[in-house]
Amino acid sequence: MTIIVALGGTPRPNSSTEKALAISCRAAADRGAEICRYDGAYMASLPFYGGPGHSKEAGAQMVADLRRADGIIIASPGYHGSISGLVKNALDYAEDLANDERPYFHGRPVGLIATALGIRQR
């Protein structure tokens, strides 16, 4: 079975980012993939990688799922022309894969989803 790790969202439940990620997850699941989803609430619970409160247990399940993933979907709102800090911090946990046989996301397709309101008129 194909394993897809999906991570992304915002602290706000049902954000457009989380909805877009859910649509992608459903499409992959409909094609037989096992989905391991880490949403905004989960990411908000993660301590800053390498910072106070960080431990080997923090994010351990997400890292274990990334380790066995066949593909990855990342969804982020556009904040100041980049990804959100919430998503960036979750991605920092991939550093735990640095010394693996397949380091980081090596050899795995990565799908990216970006959501944003666009340029604000003032």
Protein backbone atom coordinates (compact mmCIF):
# COMPACT_ATOMS: atom_id res chain seq x y z
CA MET A 1 0.00 0.00 0.00
CA THR A 2 1.18 3.51 -0.80
CA ILE A 3 1.71 5.69 2.27
CA ILE A 4 1.17 9.43 1.97
CA VAL A 5 2.07 11.86 4.75
CA ALA A 6 -0.01 15.01 4.54
CA LEU A 7 0.91 17.94 6.70
CA GLY A 8 -0.36 21.44 6.72
CA GLY A 9 -3.00 23.83 7.78
CA THR A 10 -3.41 26.66 10.21
CA PRO A 11 -4.42 26.93 13.86
CA ARG A 12 -7.91 27.86 12.61
CA PRO A 13 -10.05 24.74 12.06
CA ASN A 14 -11.59 24.45 8.58
CA SER A 15 -9.23 27.00 7.06
CA SER A 16 -8.98 27.05 3.27
CA THR A 17 -5.55 25.41 3.62
CA GLU A 18 -6.96 22.52 5.66
CA LYS A 19 -9.84 22.15 3.21
CA ALA A 20 -7.44 21.96 0.24
CA LEU A 21 -5.32 19.39 2.07
CA ALA A 22 -8.44 17.33 2.88
CA ILE A 23 -9.43 17.28 -0.80
CA SER A 24 -5.95 16.02 -1.74
CA CYS A 25 -6.05 13.39 0.99
CA ARG A 26 -9.44 12.13 -0.19
CA ALA A 27 -8.18 11.87 -3.76
CA ALA A 28 -5.15 9.84 -2.65
CA ALA A 29 -7.26 7.64 -0.34
CA ASP A 30 -9.74 7.01 -3.18
CA ARG A 31 -6.79 5.58 -5.13
CA GLY A 32 -5.90 3.23 -2.28
CA ALA A 33 -3.29 5.23 -0.35
CA GLU A 34 -2.94 5.12 3.41
CA ILE A 35 -3.01 8.71 4.64
CA CYS A 36 -1.13 9.96 7.69
CA ARG A 37 -2.42 13.49 8.21
CA TYR A 38 -0.94 16.14 10.50
CA ASP A 39 -3.11 19.23 10.65
CA GLY A 40 -2.75 22.73 12.07
CA ALA A 41 -3.80 21.69 15.57
CA TYR A 42 -1.14 18.99 15.60
CA MET A 43 1.54 21.29 14.24
CA ALA A 44 0.60 23.99 16.78
CA SER A 45 1.28 21.47 19.56
CA LEU A 46 4.87 20.88 18.41
CA PRO A 47 7.58 22.71 20.34
CA PHE A 48 10.05 24.68 18.25
CA TYR A 49 12.46 22.15 16.77
CA GLY A 50 15.66 22.21 18.83
CA GLY A 51 14.22 24.83 21.17
CA PRO A 52 12.89 24.79 24.74
CA GLY A 53 10.55 21.86 25.30
CA HIS A 54 11.83 19.94 22.27
CA SER A 55 12.54 16.27 22.90
CA LYS A 56 12.93 13.09 20.89
CA GLU A 57 9.29 12.28 21.69
CA ALA A 58 8.02 15.55 20.20
CA GLY A 59 6.88 14.87 16.67
CA ALA A 60 8.08 11.25 16.89
CA GLN A 61 5.00 9.76 15.18
CA MET A 62 5.12 12.31 12.36
CA VAL A 63 8.84 11.60 11.84
CA ALA A 64 8.19 7.84 11.88
CA ASP A 65 5.45 8.28 9.26
CA LEU A 66 7.72 10.51 7.12
CA ARG A 67 10.39 7.82 7.35
CA ARG A 68 8.05 5.20 5.82
CA ALA A 69 6.25 7.56 3.42
CA ASP A 70 6.07 6.92 -0.30
CA GLY A 71 4.95 10.50 -0.92
CA ILE A 72 4.35 13.73 0.94
CA ILE A 73 1.78 16.51 0.59
CA ILE A 74 2.55 19.87 2.22
CA ALA A 75 -0.09 22.58 2.50
CA SER A 76 0.63 26.09 3.75
CA PRO A 77 -1.07 29.43 3.74
CA GLY A 78 1.01 32.14 2.10
CA TYR A 79 2.41 34.34 4.85
CA HIS A 80 4.49 37.31 3.69
CA GLY A 81 5.41 35.54 0.47
CA SER A 82 6.52 32.31 2.14
CA ILE A 83 5.22 29.35 4.11
CA SER A 84 3.86 29.79 7.61
CA GLY A 85 6.09 29.38 10.65
CA LEU A 86 3.78 26.59 11.80
CA VAL A 87 4.48 24.55 8.66
CA LYS A 88 8.18 25.49 8.66
CA ASN A 89 8.59 24.23 12.21
CA ALA A 90 6.89 20.92 11.34
CA LEU A 91 9.20 20.54 8.35
CA ASP A 92 12.20 21.18 10.60
CA TYR A 93 11.41 17.85 12.28
CA ALA A 94 12.51 16.15 9.03
CA GLU A 95 16.04 16.89 10.27
CA ASP A 96 15.61 13.68 12.29
CA LEU A 97 15.80 11.86 8.92
CA ALA A 98 19.22 13.32 8.04
CA ASN A 99 21.18 10.12 8.69
CA ASP A 100 18.60 7.70 7.28
CA GLU A 101 19.20 5.52 4.22
CA ARG A 102 16.66 7.80 2.50
CA PRO A 103 17.57 11.17 4.07
CA TYR A 104 14.97 13.91 4.35
CA PHE A 105 12.48 13.46 1.46
CA HIS A 106 14.95 11.73 -0.89
CA GLY A 107 13.27 9.70 -3.63
CA ARG A 108 9.76 10.66 -2.56
CA PRO A 109 7.45 12.86 -4.61
CA VAL A 110 6.29 15.97 -2.77
CA GLY A 111 3.07 17.78 -3.63
CA LEU A 112 2.74 21.40 -2.55
CA ILE A 113 -0.42 23.34 -1.86
CA ALA A 114 -0.40 27.10 -1.26
CA THR A 115 -3.43 29.13 -0.29
CA ALA A 116 -3.66 32.89 0.04
CA LEU A 117 -6.08 35.77 -0.25
CA GLY A 118 -3.88 37.53 -2.78
CA ILE A 119 -2.78 41.13 -2.67
CA ARG A 120 -4.81 43.23 -0.28
CA GLN A 121 -6.17 46.49 -1.58
CA ARG A 122 -5.64 49.38 0.80
